[in-house]
All heavy atoms as atom14 arrays in JSON, in Angstrom:
{
  "sequence": "PEQTECRTIATARQIAPRTQPPCYKMFLLTWLAIYPLITGIYLL",
  "atom14_mask": [
    [1, 1, 1, 1, 1, 1, 1, 0, 0, 0, 0, 0, 0, 0],
    [1, 1, 1, 1, 1, 1, 1, 1, 1, 0, 0, 0, 0, 0],
    [1, 1, 1, 1, 1, 1, 1, 1, 1, 0, 0, 0, 0, 0],
    [1, 1, 1, 1, 1, 1, 1, 0, 0, 0, 0, 0, 0, 0],
    [1, 1, 1, 1, 1, 1, 1, 1, 1, 0, 0, 0, 0, 0],
    [1, 1, 1, 1, 1, 1, 0, 0, 0, 0, 0, 0, 0, 0],
    [1, 1, 1, 1, 1, 1, 1, 1, 1, 1, 1, 0, 0, 0],
    [1, 1, 1, 1, 1, 1, 1, 0, 0, 0, 0, 0, 0, 0],
    [1, 1, 1, 1, 1, 1, 1, 1, 0, 0, 0, 0, 0, 0],
    [1, 1, 1, 1, 1, 0, 0, 0, 0, 0, 0, 0, 0, 0],
    [1, 1, 1, 1, 1, 1, 1, 0, 0, 0, 0, 0, 0, 0],
    [1, 1, 1, 1, 1, 0, 0, 0, 0, 0, 0, 0, 0, 0],
    [1, 1, 1, 1, 1, 1, 1, 1, 1, 1, 1, 0, 0, 0],
    [1, 1, 1, 1, 1, 1, 1, 1, 1, 0, 0, 0, 0, 0],
    [1, 1, 1, 1, 1, 1, 1, 1, 0, 0, 0, 0, 0, 0],
    [1, 1, 1, 1, 1, 0, 0, 0, 0, 0, 0, 0, 0, 0],
    [1, 1, 1, 1, 1, 1, 1, 0, 0, 0, 0, 0, 0, 0],
    [1, 1, 1, 1, 1, 1, 1, 1, 1, 1, 1, 0, 0, 0],
    [1, 1, 1, 1, 1, 1, 1, 0, 0, 0, 0, 0, 0, 0],
    [1, 1, 1, 1, 1, 1, 1, 1, 1, 0, 0, 0, 0, 0],
    [1, 1, 1, 1, 1, 1, 1, 0, 0, 0, 0, 0, 0, 0],
    [1, 1, 1, 1, 1, 1, 1, 0, 0, 0, 0, 0, 0, 0],
    [1, 1, 1, 1, 1, 1, 0, 0, 0, 0, 0, 0, 0, 0],
    [1, 1, 1, 1, 1, 1, 1, 1, 1, 1, 1, 1, 0, 0],
    [1, 1, 1, 1, 1, 1, 1, 1, 1, 0, 0, 0, 0, 0],
    [1, 1, 1, 1, 1, 1, 1, 1, 0, 0, 0, 0, 0, 0],
    [1, 1, 1, 1, 1, 1, 1, 1, 1, 1, 1, 0, 0, 0],
    [1, 1, 1, 1, 1, 1, 1, 1, 0, 0, 0, 0, 0, 0],
    [1, 1, 1, 1, 1, 1, 1, 1, 0, 0, 0, 0, 0, 0],
    [1, 1, 1, 1, 1, 1, 1, 0, 0, 0, 0, 0, 0, 0],
    [1, 1, 1, 1, 1, 1, 1, 1, 1, 1, 1, 1, 1, 1],
    [1, 1, 1, 1, 1, 1, 1, 1, 0, 0, 0, 0, 0, 0],
    [1, 1, 1, 1, 1, 0, 0, 0, 0, 0, 0, 0, 0, 0],
    [1, 1, 1, 1, 1, 1, 1, 1, 0, 0, 0, 0, 0, 0],
    [1, 1, 1, 1, 1, 1, 1, 1, 1, 1, 1, 1, 0, 0],
    [1, 1, 1, 1, 1, 1, 1, 0, 0, 0, 0, 0, 0, 0],
    [1, 1, 1, 1, 1, 1, 1, 1, 0, 0, 0, 0, 0, 0],
    [1, 1, 1, 1, 1, 1, 1, 1, 0, 0, 0, 0, 0, 0],
    [1, 1, 1, 1, 1, 1, 1, 0, 0, 0, 0, 0, 0, 0],
    [1, 1, 1, 1, 0, 0, 0, 0, 0, 0, 0, 0, 0, 0],
    [1, 1, 1, 1, 1, 1, 1, 1, 0, 0, 0, 0, 0, 0],
    [1, 1, 1, 1, 1, 1, 1, 1, 1, 1, 1, 1, 0, 0],
    [1, 1, 1, 1, 1, 1, 1, 1, 0, 0, 0, 0, 0, 0],
    [1, 1, 1, 1, 1, 1, 1, 1, 0, 0, 0, 0, 0, 0]
  ],
  "atom14_positions": [
    [[-23.92, -28.05, -12.78], [-25.01, -28.92, -13.22], [-24.73, -30.41, -12.97], [-25.66, -31.16, -12.71], [-25.14, -28.64, -14.71], [-24.35, -27.41, -14.98], [-23.42, -27.23, -13.86], [0.0, 0.0, 0.0], [0.0, 0.0, 0.0], [0.0, 0.0, 0.0], [0.0, 0.0, 0.0], [0.0, 0.0, 0.0], [0.0, 0.0, 0.0], [0.0, 0.0, 0.0]],
    [[-23.46, -30.81, -13.03], [-23.17, -32.22, -12.84], [-23.28, -32.61, -11.37], [-23.29, -33.79, -11.05], [-21.78, -32.57, -13.38], [-20.62, -31.93, -12.68], [-20.28, -30.53, -13.18], [-20.93, -30.01, -14.1], [-19.37, -29.94, -12.61], [0.0, 0.0, 0.0], [0.0, 0.0, 0.0], [0.0, 0.0, 0.0], [0.0, 0.0, 0.0], [0.0, 0.0, 0.0]],
    [[-23.36, -31.62, -10.48], [-23.52, -31.91, -9.06], [-24.86, -31.36, -8.59], [-25.38, -30.42, -9.14], [-22.38, -31.26, -8.27], [-21.01, -31.81, -8.65], [-19.9, -31.07, -7.92], [-20.14, -30.06, -7.29], [-18.7, -31.59, -8.03], [0.0, 0.0, 0.0], [0.0, 0.0, 0.0], [0.0, 0.0, 0.0], [0.0, 0.0, 0.0], [0.0, 0.0, 0.0]],
    [[-25.38, -31.95, -7.59], [-26.68, -31.5, -7.1], [-26.55, -30.54, -5.94], [-27.55, -30.21, -5.32], [-27.5, -32.73, -6.64], [-26.76, -33.41, -5.64], [-27.81, -33.63, -7.8], [0.0, 0.0, 0.0], [0.0, 0.0, 0.0], [0.0, 0.0, 0.0], [0.0, 0.0, 0.0], [0.0, 0.0, 0.0], [0.0, 0.0, 0.0], [0.0, 0.0, 0.0]],
    [[-25.37, -30.13, -5.65], [-25.18, -29.21, -4.53], [-24.36, -28.0, -4.97], [-23.67, -28.04, -5.97], [-24.46, -29.92, -3.38], [-23.07, -30.38, -3.76], [-22.43, -31.22, -2.66], [-23.07, -32.14, -2.17], [-21.28, -30.89, -2.33], [0.0, 0.0, 0.0], [0.0, 0.0, 0.0], [0.0, 0.0, 0.0], [0.0, 0.0, 0.0], [0.0, 0.0, 0.0]],
    [[-24.48, -26.95, -4.22], [-23.67, -25.76, -4.45], [-22.38, -25.93, -3.68], [-22.36, -26.48, -2.6], [-24.39, -24.51, -3.97], [-25.78, -24.05, -5.0], [0.0, 0.0, 0.0], [0.0, 0.0, 0.0], [0.0, 0.0, 0.0], [0.0, 0.0, 0.0], [0.0, 0.0, 0.0], [0.0, 0.0, 0.0], [0.0, 0.0, 0.0], [0.0, 0.0, 0.0]],
    [[-21.34, -25.47, -4.24], [-20.09, -25.47, -3.49], [-19.43, -24.11, -3.66], [-19.61, -23.42, -4.66], [-19.17, -26.59, -3.91], [-18.66, -26.5, -5.3], [-17.79, -27.69, -5.62], [-17.29, -27.5, -6.98], [-16.15, -27.95, -7.4], [-15.4, -28.65, -6.59], [-15.76, -27.73, -8.62], [0.0, 0.0, 0.0], [0.0, 0.0, 0.0], [0.0, 0.0, 0.0]],
    [[-18.65, -23.75, -2.68], [-17.98, -22.46, -2.69], [-16.65, -22.6, -3.4], [-15.87, -23.48, -3.09], [-17.76, -21.96, -1.24], [-19.01, -21.93, -0.57], [-17.12, -20.6, -1.23], [0.0, 0.0, 0.0], [0.0, 0.0, 0.0], [0.0, 0.0, 0.0], [0.0, 0.0, 0.0], [0.0, 0.0, 0.0], [0.0, 0.0, 0.0], [0.0, 0.0, 0.0]],
    [[-16.44, -21.72, -4.35], [-15.16, -21.72, -5.05], [-14.55, -20.33, -4.94], [-15.26, -19.33, -4.85], [-15.31, -22.12, -6.53], [-16.25, -21.16, -7.26], [-15.78, -23.54, -6.67], [-16.28, -21.35, -8.75], [0.0, 0.0, 0.0], [0.0, 0.0, 0.0], [0.0, 0.0, 0.0], [0.0, 0.0, 0.0], [0.0, 0.0, 0.0], [0.0, 0.0, 0.0]],
    [[-13.25, -20.3, -4.92], [-12.55, -19.01, -4.86], [-12.54, -18.4, -6.26], [-12.24, -19.08, -7.23], [-11.14, -19.21, -4.35], [0.0, 0.0, 0.0], [0.0, 0.0, 0.0], [0.0, 0.0, 0.0], [0.0, 0.0, 0.0], [0.0, 0.0, 0.0], [0.0, 0.0, 0.0], [0.0, 0.0, 0.0], [0.0, 0.0, 0.0], [0.0, 0.0, 0.0]],
    [[-12.86, -17.15, -6.33], [-12.82, -16.45, -7.61], [-11.9, -15.25, -7.48], [-11.78, -14.63, -6.43], [-14.23, -15.97, -8.02], [-14.74, -15.13, -6.99], [-15.16, -17.14, -8.23], [0.0, 0.0, 0.0], [0.0, 0.0, 0.0], [0.0, 0.0, 0.0], [0.0, 0.0, 0.0], [0.0, 0.0, 0.0], [0.0, 0.0, 0.0], [0.0, 0.0, 0.0]],
    [[-11.25, -14.92, -8.54], [-10.36, -13.76, -8.55], [-11.21, -12.5, -8.56], [-12.19, -12.4, -9.28], [-9.45, -13.81, -9.75], [0.0, 0.0, 0.0], [0.0, 0.0, 0.0], [0.0, 0.0, 0.0], [0.0, 0.0, 0.0], [0.0, 0.0, 0.0], [0.0, 0.0, 0.0], [0.0, 0.0, 0.0], [0.0, 0.0, 0.0], [0.0, 0.0, 0.0]],
    [[-10.83, -11.55, -7.76], [-11.55, -10.29, -7.72], [-11.21, -9.48, -8.96], [-10.09, -9.46, -9.41], [-11.18, -9.52, -6.46], [-11.55, -10.31, -5.2], [-11.17, -9.55, -4.0], [-12.24, -8.6, -3.74], [-12.29, -7.81, -2.7], [-11.33, -7.82, -1.83], [-13.3, -6.99, -2.52], [0.0, 0.0, 0.0], [0.0, 0.0, 0.0], [0.0, 0.0, 0.0]],
    [[-12.19, -8.8, -9.48], [-12.02, -8.0, -10.68], [-11.8, -6.54, -10.3], [-12.54, -5.66, -10.69], [-13.24, -8.15, -11.59], [-13.49, -9.55, -12.06], [-12.35, -10.08, -12.9], [-11.78, -9.36, -13.7], [-12.02, -11.35, -12.72], [0.0, 0.0, 0.0], [0.0, 0.0, 0.0], [0.0, 0.0, 0.0], [0.0, 0.0, 0.0], [0.0, 0.0, 0.0]],
    [[-10.75, -6.29, -9.52], [-10.43, -4.94, -9.07], [-9.1, -4.54, -9.71], [-8.17, -5.33, -9.76], [-10.32, -4.89, -7.53], [-11.67, -5.24, -6.91], [-9.86, -3.52, -7.07], [-11.64, -5.35, -5.41], [0.0, 0.0, 0.0], [0.0, 0.0, 0.0], [0.0, 0.0, 0.0], [0.0, 0.0, 0.0], [0.0, 0.0, 0.0], [0.0, 0.0, 0.0]],
    [[-9.04, -3.32, -10.17], [-7.81, -2.83, -10.78], [-6.69, -2.83, -9.75], [-6.92, -2.49, -8.6], [-8.02, -1.42, -11.32], [0.0, 0.0, 0.0], [0.0, 0.0, 0.0], [0.0, 0.0, 0.0], [0.0, 0.0, 0.0], [0.0, 0.0, 0.0], [0.0, 0.0, 0.0], [0.0, 0.0, 0.0], [0.0, 0.0, 0.0], [0.0, 0.0, 0.0]],
    [[-5.5, -3.23, -10.15], [-4.4, -3.22, -9.19], [-4.08, -1.81, -8.72], [-4.15, -0.86, -9.5], [-3.23, -3.81, -9.97], [-3.59, -3.66, -11.4], [-5.09, -3.65, -11.46], [0.0, 0.0, 0.0], [0.0, 0.0, 0.0], [0.0, 0.0, 0.0], [0.0, 0.0, 0.0], [0.0, 0.0, 0.0], [0.0, 0.0, 0.0], [0.0, 0.0, 0.0]],
    [[-3.77, -1.68, -7.46], [-3.48, -0.38, -6.89], [-2.05, 0.02, -7.29], [-1.12, -0.72, -7.11], [-3.6, -0.44, -5.39], [-3.41, 0.87, -4.73], [-3.61, 0.77, -3.27], [-3.23, 2.02, -2.67], [-3.72, 2.47, -1.55], [-4.59, 1.76, -0.9], [-3.33, 3.61, -1.06], [0.0, 0.0, 0.0], [0.0, 0.0, 0.0], [0.0, 0.0, 0.0]],
    [[-1.94, 1.23, -7.78], [-0.62, 1.7, -8.18], [0.09, 2.29, -6.97], [-0.54, 2.83, -6.07], [-0.72, 2.77, -9.27], [-1.51, 3.85, -8.78], [-1.35, 2.2, -10.53], [0.0, 0.0, 0.0], [0.0, 0.0, 0.0], [0.0, 0.0, 0.0], [0.0, 0.0, 0.0], [0.0, 0.0, 0.0], [0.0, 0.0, 0.0], [0.0, 0.0, 0.0]],
    [[1.38, 2.17, -6.96], [2.2, 2.73, -5.9], [3.07, 3.82, -6.49], [3.49, 3.73, -7.65], [3.08, 1.65, -5.28], [2.31, 0.59, -4.56], [3.24, -0.44, -3.94], [4.43, -0.42, -4.17], [2.68, -1.34, -3.17], [0.0, 0.0, 0.0], [0.0, 0.0, 0.0], [0.0, 0.0, 0.0], [0.0, 0.0, 0.0], [0.0, 0.0, 0.0]],
    [[3.36, 4.85, -5.7], [4.24, 5.9, -6.22], [5.65, 5.36, -6.39], [6.04, 4.4, -5.74], [4.18, 6.98, -5.14], [3.65, 6.33, -3.93], [2.86, 5.14, -4.37], [0.0, 0.0, 0.0], [0.0, 0.0, 0.0], [0.0, 0.0, 0.0], [0.0, 0.0, 0.0], [0.0, 0.0, 0.0], [0.0, 0.0, 0.0], [0.0, 0.0, 0.0]],
    [[6.43, 5.98, -7.27], [7.83, 5.55, -7.46], [8.63, 5.66, -6.16], [8.36, 6.53, -5.32], [8.37, 6.52, -8.51], [7.17, 7.1, -9.17], [6.07, 7.06, -8.17], [0.0, 0.0, 0.0], [0.0, 0.0, 0.0], [0.0, 0.0, 0.0], [0.0, 0.0, 0.0], [0.0, 0.0, 0.0], [0.0, 0.0, 0.0], [0.0, 0.0, 0.0]],
    [[9.61, 4.8, -6.03], [10.41, 4.77, -4.8], [11.14, 6.09, -4.54], [11.25, 6.53, -3.4], [11.42, 3.63, -4.87], [10.67, 2.01, -4.69], [0.0, 0.0, 0.0], [0.0, 0.0, 0.0], [0.0, 0.0, 0.0], [0.0, 0.0, 0.0], [0.0, 0.0, 0.0], [0.0, 0.0, 0.0], [0.0, 0.0, 0.0], [0.0, 0.0, 0.0]],
    [[11.6, 6.74, -5.61], [12.34, 7.98, -5.38], [11.43, 9.08, -4.82], [11.87, 9.92, -4.04], [13.04, 8.46, -6.66], [12.17, 9.14, -7.67], [12.03, 10.52, -7.68], [11.48, 8.4, -8.63], [11.23, 11.15, -8.61], [10.69, 9.03, -9.56], [10.55, 10.4, -9.55], [9.76, 11.02, -10.47], [0.0, 0.0, 0.0], [0.0, 0.0, 0.0]],
    [[10.15, 9.06, -5.19], [9.22, 10.05, -4.65], [8.94, 9.78, -3.18], [8.87, 10.71, -2.37], [7.92, 10.05, -5.45], [8.08, 10.65, -6.83], [6.75, 10.72, -7.55], [6.9, 11.36, -8.91], [5.62, 11.51, -9.59], [0.0, 0.0, 0.0], [0.0, 0.0, 0.0], [0.0, 0.0, 0.0], [0.0, 0.0, 0.0], [0.0, 0.0, 0.0]],
    [[8.79, 8.51, -2.82], [8.58, 8.18, -1.41], [9.83, 8.48, -0.59], [9.74, 8.93, 0.55], [8.19, 6.71, -1.25], [6.78, 6.4, -1.74], [5.5, 7.45, -1.0], [5.61, 6.98, 0.71], [0.0, 0.0, 0.0], [0.0, 0.0, 0.0], [0.0, 0.0, 0.0], [0.0, 0.0, 0.0], [0.0, 0.0, 0.0], [0.0, 0.0, 0.0]],
    [[11.01, 8.26, -1.18], [12.27, 8.6, -0.52], [12.31, 10.1, -0.21], [12.61, 10.52, 0.91], [13.45, 8.19, -1.4], [14.75, 8.81, -1.0], [15.48, 8.3, 0.06], [15.25, 9.91, -1.68], [16.68, 8.88, 0.44], [16.45, 10.49, -1.32], [17.17, 9.97, -0.26], [0.0, 0.0, 0.0], [0.0, 0.0, 0.0], [0.0, 0.0, 0.0]],
    [[12.02, 10.92, -1.22], [12.06, 12.37, -1.03], [11.02, 12.85, -0.01], [11.3, 13.7, 0.83], [11.86, 13.09, -2.37], [13.0, 12.96, -3.36], [12.6, 13.56, -4.72], [14.25, 13.63, -2.83], [0.0, 0.0, 0.0], [0.0, 0.0, 0.0], [0.0, 0.0, 0.0], [0.0, 0.0, 0.0], [0.0, 0.0, 0.0], [0.0, 0.0, 0.0]],
    [[9.83, 12.29, -0.07], [8.78, 12.68, 0.85], [9.12, 12.28, 2.29], [8.9, 13.04, 3.22], [7.44, 12.06, 0.42], [6.19, 12.66, 1.02], [6.04, 14.11, 0.61], [4.98, 11.87, 0.59], [0.0, 0.0, 0.0], [0.0, 0.0, 0.0], [0.0, 0.0, 0.0], [0.0, 0.0, 0.0], [0.0, 0.0, 0.0], [0.0, 0.0, 0.0]],
    [[9.68, 11.09, 2.45], [10.07, 10.63, 3.78], [11.21, 11.48, 4.33], [11.21, 11.87, 5.5], [10.5, 9.15, 3.72], [9.41, 8.39, 3.18], [10.83, 8.62, 5.1], [0.0, 0.0, 0.0], [0.0, 0.0, 0.0], [0.0, 0.0, 0.0], [0.0, 0.0, 0.0], [0.0, 0.0, 0.0], [0.0, 0.0, 0.0], [0.0, 0.0, 0.0]],
    [[12.16, 11.8, 3.49], [13.27, 12.65, 3.91], [12.76, 14.05, 4.29], [13.21, 14.63, 5.27], [14.29, 12.73, 2.79], [15.61, 13.31, 3.16], [16.09, 13.56, 4.42], [16.63, 13.71, 2.26], [17.35, 14.09, 4.34], [17.71, 14.19, 3.04], [16.74, 13.71, 0.89], [18.87, 14.67, 2.46], [17.91, 14.17, 0.32], [18.96, 14.65, 1.1]],
    [[11.83, 14.56, 3.49], [11.23, 15.85, 3.78], [10.55, 15.86, 5.15], [10.51, 16.87, 5.84], [10.21, 16.21, 2.69], [9.43, 17.5, 2.85], [10.34, 18.7, 2.67], [8.29, 17.54, 1.86], [0.0, 0.0, 0.0], [0.0, 0.0, 0.0], [0.0, 0.0, 0.0], [0.0, 0.0, 0.0], [0.0, 0.0, 0.0], [0.0, 0.0, 0.0]],
    [[10.03, 14.73, 5.57], [9.35, 14.63, 6.85], [10.32, 14.38, 8.0], [10.2, 14.97, 9.08], [8.31, 13.52, 6.81], [0.0, 0.0, 0.0], [0.0, 0.0, 0.0], [0.0, 0.0, 0.0], [0.0, 0.0, 0.0], [0.0, 0.0, 0.0], [0.0, 0.0, 0.0], [0.0, 0.0, 0.0], [0.0, 0.0, 0.0], [0.0, 0.0, 0.0]],
    [[11.28, 13.5, 7.81], [12.16, 13.08, 8.91], [13.15, 14.18, 9.3], [13.39, 14.39, 10.49], [12.89, 11.77, 8.54], [11.91, 10.62, 8.62], [14.08, 11.53, 9.45], [12.49, 9.29, 8.26], [0.0, 0.0, 0.0], [0.0, 0.0, 0.0], [0.0, 0.0, 0.0], [0.0, 0.0, 0.0], [0.0, 0.0, 0.0], [0.0, 0.0, 0.0]],
    [[13.73, 14.87, 8.34], [14.75, 15.87, 8.66], [14.24, 16.94, 9.63], [14.87, 17.19, 10.66], [15.31, 16.49, 7.38], [16.4, 17.49, 7.67], [17.67, 17.08, 8.02], [16.14, 18.85, 7.62], [18.67, 17.98, 8.31], [17.12, 19.77, 7.91], [18.38, 19.35, 8.26], [19.36, 20.26, 8.55], [0.0, 0.0, 0.0], [0.0, 0.0, 0.0]],
    [[13.1, 17.58, 9.36], [12.62, 18.58, 10.32], [12.2, 17.98, 11.66], [12.35, 18.62, 12.7], [11.43, 19.25, 9.64], [11.32, 18.69, 8.3], [12.29, 17.58, 8.14], [0.0, 0.0, 0.0], [0.0, 0.0, 0.0], [0.0, 0.0, 0.0], [0.0, 0.0, 0.0], [0.0, 0.0, 0.0], [0.0, 0.0, 0.0], [0.0, 0.0, 0.0]],
    [[11.68, 16.74, 11.63], [11.29, 16.12, 12.89], [12.5, 15.87, 13.79], [12.47, 16.17, 14.99], [10.55, 14.8, 12.64], [9.1, 14.91, 12.2], [8.54, 13.53, 11.89], [8.27, 15.58, 13.28], [0.0, 0.0, 0.0], [0.0, 0.0, 0.0], [0.0, 0.0, 0.0], [0.0, 0.0, 0.0], [0.0, 0.0, 0.0], [0.0, 0.0, 0.0]],
    [[13.55, 15.29, 13.23], [14.74, 15.02, 14.04], [15.37, 16.32, 14.52], [15.76, 16.44, 15.69], [15.76, 14.19, 13.23], [15.24, 12.78, 13.04], [17.12, 14.15, 13.94], [16.13, 11.89, 12.19], [0.0, 0.0, 0.0], [0.0, 0.0, 0.0], [0.0, 0.0, 0.0], [0.0, 0.0, 0.0], [0.0, 0.0, 0.0], [0.0, 0.0, 0.0]],
    [[15.43, 17.32, 13.64], [15.98, 18.61, 14.03], [15.16, 19.23, 15.16], [15.72, 19.72, 16.15], [16.02, 19.56, 12.81], [16.76, 18.93, 11.77], [16.65, 20.89, 13.17], [0.0, 0.0, 0.0], [0.0, 0.0, 0.0], [0.0, 0.0, 0.0], [0.0, 0.0, 0.0], [0.0, 0.0, 0.0], [0.0, 0.0, 0.0], [0.0, 0.0, 0.0]],
    [[13.84, 19.18, 15.04], [12.97, 19.72, 16.09], [13.09, 18.99, 17.41], [13.12, 19.61, 18.48], [0.0, 0.0, 0.0], [0.0, 0.0, 0.0], [0.0, 0.0, 0.0], [0.0, 0.0, 0.0], [0.0, 0.0, 0.0], [0.0, 0.0, 0.0], [0.0, 0.0, 0.0], [0.0, 0.0, 0.0], [0.0, 0.0, 0.0], [0.0, 0.0, 0.0]],
    [[13.17, 17.67, 17.34], [13.31, 16.88, 18.57], [14.63, 17.23, 19.27], [14.68, 17.4, 20.49], [13.21, 15.37, 18.27], [11.76, 15.02, 17.9], [13.66, 14.54, 19.46], [11.57, 13.62, 17.37], [0.0, 0.0, 0.0], [0.0, 0.0, 0.0], [0.0, 0.0, 0.0], [0.0, 0.0, 0.0], [0.0, 0.0, 0.0], [0.0, 0.0, 0.0]],
    [[15.72, 17.33, 18.5], [17.0, 17.68, 19.11], [17.02, 19.12, 19.64], [17.63, 19.39, 20.67], [18.16, 17.45, 18.14], [18.67, 16.04, 18.19], [18.65, 15.24, 17.05], [19.17, 15.49, 19.36], [19.12, 13.94, 17.09], [19.64, 14.2, 19.42], [19.62, 13.42, 18.28], [20.07, 12.14, 18.32], [0.0, 0.0, 0.0], [0.0, 0.0, 0.0]],
    [[16.34, 20.03, 18.97], [16.27, 21.4, 19.47], [15.49, 21.48, 20.78], [15.86, 22.21, 21.7], [15.65, 22.33, 18.43], [16.54, 22.75, 17.27], [15.74, 23.54, 16.25], [17.72, 23.56, 17.78], [0.0, 0.0, 0.0], [0.0, 0.0, 0.0], [0.0, 0.0, 0.0], [0.0, 0.0, 0.0], [0.0, 0.0, 0.0], [0.0, 0.0, 0.0]],
    [[14.38, 20.74, 20.84], [13.54, 20.8, 22.04], [14.08, 19.96, 23.2], [14.01, 20.37, 24.35], [12.12, 20.33, 21.69], [11.32, 21.22, 20.75], [10.02, 20.55, 20.36], [11.06, 22.56, 21.39], [0.0, 0.0, 0.0], [0.0, 0.0, 0.0], [0.0, 0.0, 0.0], [0.0, 0.0, 0.0], [0.0, 0.0, 0.0], [0.0, 0.0, 0.0]]
  ]
}
C-alpha cells in the first residue's frame, strides 16, 4: 500500500520437506544391486 507499484518478492514455498531413506538402507540396496552386476559382468 505504501508503494504504487507491484514488486516481485521471493516467498518460501509451503511444501513439506522430502524425506530421505536412512543411509544404511541405501547402502544395503546399492550393495544388493552392485554385487550381482559386477559378478555378471565378470562372468560374461
